[in-house]
N, C-alpha and C. Protein backbone atom coordinates (compact mmCIF):
# COMPACT_ATOMS: atom_id res chain seq x y z
N MET A 1 108.11 133.35 82.76
CA MET A 1 107.58 134.73 82.72
C MET A 1 107.80 135.09 81.13
N ASN A 2 106.79 135.73 80.60
CA ASN A 2 107.12 136.36 79.17
C ASN A 2 107.53 137.67 79.30
N ALA A 3 108.01 138.02 78.05
CA ALA A 3 108.70 139.43 78.02
C ALA A 3 107.74 140.61 78.51
N ARG A 4 106.52 140.55 78.30
CA ARG A 4 105.69 141.66 78.78
C ARG A 4 105.53 141.56 80.20
N ASN A 5 105.37 140.32 80.89
CA ASN A 5 105.24 140.30 82.29
C ASN A 5 106.76 140.81 82.91
N ALA A 6 107.77 140.62 82.24
CA ALA A 6 109.04 140.82 82.79
C ALA A 6 109.12 142.41 82.80
N ARG A 7 108.73 143.01 81.74
CA ARG A 7 108.77 144.60 81.55
C ARG A 7 107.81 145.15 82.70
N THR A 8 106.75 144.56 82.82
CA THR A 8 105.83 145.03 83.92
C THR A 8 106.43 144.92 85.30
N THR A 9 107.00 143.91 85.54
CA THR A 9 107.76 143.62 86.77
C THR A 9 108.82 144.73 87.15
N GLU A 10 109.62 144.95 86.08
CA GLU A 10 110.74 145.72 86.10
C GLU A 10 110.01 147.18 86.22
N SER A 11 109.04 147.70 85.65
CA SER A 11 108.44 148.76 85.76
C SER A 11 108.06 148.97 87.28
N LEU A 12 107.34 147.99 87.72
CA LEU A 12 106.81 148.09 89.13
C LEU A 12 107.94 148.15 90.09
N HIS A 13 108.90 147.52 89.93
CA HIS A 13 110.21 147.42 90.85
C HIS A 13 110.87 148.92 90.94
N LYS A 14 110.85 149.50 89.58
CA LYS A 14 111.46 150.78 89.45
C LYS A 14 110.55 151.92 90.21
N GLN A 15 109.19 151.74 90.09
CA GLN A 15 108.21 152.60 90.73
C GLN A 15 108.48 152.59 92.38
N ILE A 16 108.49 151.29 92.80
CA ILE A 16 108.67 151.15 94.19
C ILE A 16 110.05 151.69 94.72
N GLU A 17 111.09 151.40 93.79
CA GLU A 17 112.41 151.96 94.19
C GLU A 17 112.41 153.50 94.30
N LEU A 18 111.76 154.21 93.20
CA LEU A 18 111.87 155.57 93.27
C LEU A 18 111.08 156.08 94.49
N ARG A 19 109.93 155.60 94.83
CA ARG A 19 109.13 155.99 95.96
C ARG A 19 109.84 155.72 97.19
N ALA A 20 110.53 154.58 97.42
CA ALA A 20 111.31 154.36 98.65
C ALA A 20 112.37 155.35 98.69
N TYR A 21 112.92 155.84 97.72
CA TYR A 21 113.97 156.67 97.76
C TYR A 21 113.48 158.17 98.20
N ALA A 22 112.40 158.35 97.76
CA ALA A 22 111.70 159.69 98.06
C ALA A 22 111.38 159.58 99.52
N ILE A 23 110.87 158.50 99.97
CA ILE A 23 110.46 158.46 101.35
C ILE A 23 111.75 158.54 102.33
N TRP A 24 112.75 157.90 101.93
CA TRP A 24 114.05 158.00 102.59
C TRP A 24 114.62 159.43 102.61
N GLU A 25 114.46 160.30 101.66
CA GLU A 25 114.93 161.64 101.67
C GLU A 25 113.94 162.38 102.51
N GLU A 26 112.57 162.17 102.44
CA GLU A 26 111.62 162.91 103.19
C GLU A 26 111.83 162.67 104.81
N ALA A 27 112.53 161.41 105.00
CA ALA A 27 112.73 161.18 106.44
C ALA A 27 114.03 161.64 106.91
N GLY A 28 114.72 162.43 106.04
CA GLY A 28 116.08 163.05 106.46
C GLY A 28 117.27 161.94 106.11
N ARG A 29 117.06 160.97 105.22
CA ARG A 29 118.14 160.10 104.86
C ARG A 29 118.67 159.45 106.01
N PRO A 30 117.82 158.86 106.80
CA PRO A 30 118.41 157.94 108.08
C PRO A 30 119.10 156.70 107.42
N HIS A 31 120.09 156.29 108.25
CA HIS A 31 120.73 154.92 107.89
C HIS A 31 119.91 153.74 108.61
N GLY A 32 119.97 152.80 107.73
CA GLY A 32 119.42 151.33 108.37
C GLY A 32 117.88 151.33 108.28
N ARG A 33 117.23 152.10 107.52
CA ARG A 33 115.84 151.91 107.37
C ARG A 33 115.26 151.78 106.09
N ALA A 34 116.18 151.04 105.29
CA ALA A 34 115.81 150.93 103.66
C ALA A 34 114.72 149.78 103.70
N ASP A 35 114.60 148.79 104.46
CA ASP A 35 113.54 147.80 104.45
C ASP A 35 112.21 148.42 104.85
N GLU A 36 112.06 149.41 105.71
CA GLU A 36 111.02 150.06 106.27
C GLU A 36 110.43 150.96 105.00
N HIS A 37 111.26 151.82 104.41
CA HIS A 37 111.09 152.51 103.43
C HIS A 37 110.57 151.72 102.25
N TRP A 38 111.15 150.66 101.92
CA TRP A 38 110.66 149.92 100.79
C TRP A 38 109.45 149.25 100.86
N ALA A 39 109.08 148.87 102.25
CA ALA A 39 107.86 148.26 102.46
C ALA A 39 106.66 149.25 102.45
N GLN A 40 106.99 150.47 102.78
CA GLN A 40 105.95 151.52 102.86
C GLN A 40 105.74 151.99 101.17
N ALA A 41 106.84 151.96 100.59
CA ALA A 41 106.76 152.53 99.17
C ALA A 41 105.82 151.38 98.37
N GLU A 42 106.22 150.06 98.78
CA GLU A 42 105.48 148.92 98.14
C GLU A 42 104.07 149.00 98.50
N ALA A 43 103.78 149.17 99.67
CA ALA A 43 102.28 149.37 100.07
C ALA A 43 101.60 150.43 99.26
N GLU A 44 102.09 151.51 99.19
CA GLU A 44 101.71 152.68 98.51
C GLU A 44 101.30 152.36 97.12
N ILE A 45 102.26 151.80 96.43
CA ILE A 45 102.30 151.57 95.03
C ILE A 45 101.30 150.37 94.76
N LEU A 46 101.15 149.29 95.55
CA LEU A 46 100.35 148.19 95.32
C LEU A 46 99.01 148.38 95.93
N LYS A 47 98.86 149.45 96.52
CA LYS A 47 97.49 149.65 97.20
C LYS A 47 96.42 149.87 96.03
N PRO A 48 95.35 148.99 96.10
CA PRO A 48 94.38 149.02 95.22
C PRO A 48 93.64 150.40 94.90
N LYS A 49 93.53 150.73 93.84
CA LYS A 49 92.92 152.04 93.55
C LYS A 49 91.41 151.86 93.74
N LYS A 50 90.60 152.85 94.09
CA LYS A 50 89.19 152.82 94.08
C LYS A 50 88.69 152.30 92.87
N ALA A 51 87.93 151.30 92.91
CA ALA A 51 87.40 150.64 91.62
C ALA A 51 86.32 151.57 91.07
N THR A 52 86.34 151.76 89.85
CA THR A 52 85.25 152.50 89.25
C THR A 52 84.65 151.71 88.19
N ALA A 53 85.41 150.49 87.83
CA ALA A 53 84.72 149.50 86.86
C ALA A 53 83.50 148.98 87.29
N GLY A 54 82.55 149.08 86.41
CA GLY A 54 81.18 148.55 86.57
C GLY A 54 80.40 149.56 87.21
N LYS A 55 80.77 150.66 87.64
CA LYS A 55 79.93 151.74 88.30
C LYS A 55 79.63 152.65 86.97
N ARG A 56 78.35 153.13 87.18
CA ARG A 56 77.96 154.04 86.27
C ARG A 56 78.30 155.52 86.65
N THR A 57 78.51 156.29 85.75
CA THR A 57 79.05 157.78 86.06
C THR A 57 77.68 158.47 85.97
N LYS A 58 77.53 159.63 86.64
CA LYS A 58 76.39 160.45 86.49
C LYS A 58 76.51 161.10 84.99
N THR A 59 75.32 161.28 84.40
CA THR A 59 75.34 161.96 83.11
C THR A 59 75.42 163.54 83.47
N ALA A 60 76.06 164.13 82.49
CA ALA A 60 76.26 165.60 82.53
C ALA A 60 74.65 166.22 82.57
N PRO A 61 74.68 167.32 83.37
CA PRO A 61 73.26 167.82 83.34
C PRO A 61 73.16 168.58 82.03
N LYS A 62 71.81 168.77 81.63
CA LYS A 62 71.62 169.54 80.37
C LYS A 62 71.94 170.92 80.59
N LEU A 63 72.40 171.47 79.47
CA LEU A 63 72.85 172.93 79.47
C LEU A 63 71.65 173.79 79.51
N ALA A 64 71.69 174.90 80.30
CA ALA A 64 70.48 175.87 80.48
C ALA A 64 70.52 176.60 79.21
N GLY A 65 69.38 177.05 78.81
CA GLY A 65 69.27 177.94 77.65
C GLY A 65 69.02 177.11 76.38
N LYS A 66 69.19 175.66 76.38
CA LYS A 66 69.04 174.99 75.22
C LYS A 66 67.56 174.61 75.12
N SER A 67 66.92 174.75 74.11
CA SER A 67 65.59 174.30 74.06
C SER A 67 65.49 173.24 72.98
N LYS A 68 64.29 172.66 73.04
CA LYS A 68 64.21 171.45 71.95
C LYS A 68 63.60 172.34 70.65
N LYS A 69 63.94 171.46 69.55
CA LYS A 69 63.44 172.17 68.30
C LYS A 69 61.87 172.21 68.21
N LYS A 70 61.42 173.29 67.69
CA LYS A 70 60.00 173.49 67.55
C LYS A 70 59.70 172.95 66.15
N LYS A 71 58.50 172.19 66.13
CA LYS A 71 58.02 171.72 64.86
C LYS A 71 57.02 172.59 64.24
């Protein structure tokens, strides 16, 4: 593993850790459910985002009141 991948892995681990902690707090800080909270956090963090790559976006509508130049 190169240094960049190591940093990415560490960053991802930290994101999951922070989310798992938040889930634990939201659940009332129950004892013995760390694995469940970690799995939930991991699923949320690693869940693929809706892909927008390759999709064309709608172009902005023309502004009202703008007219073409007259020759």
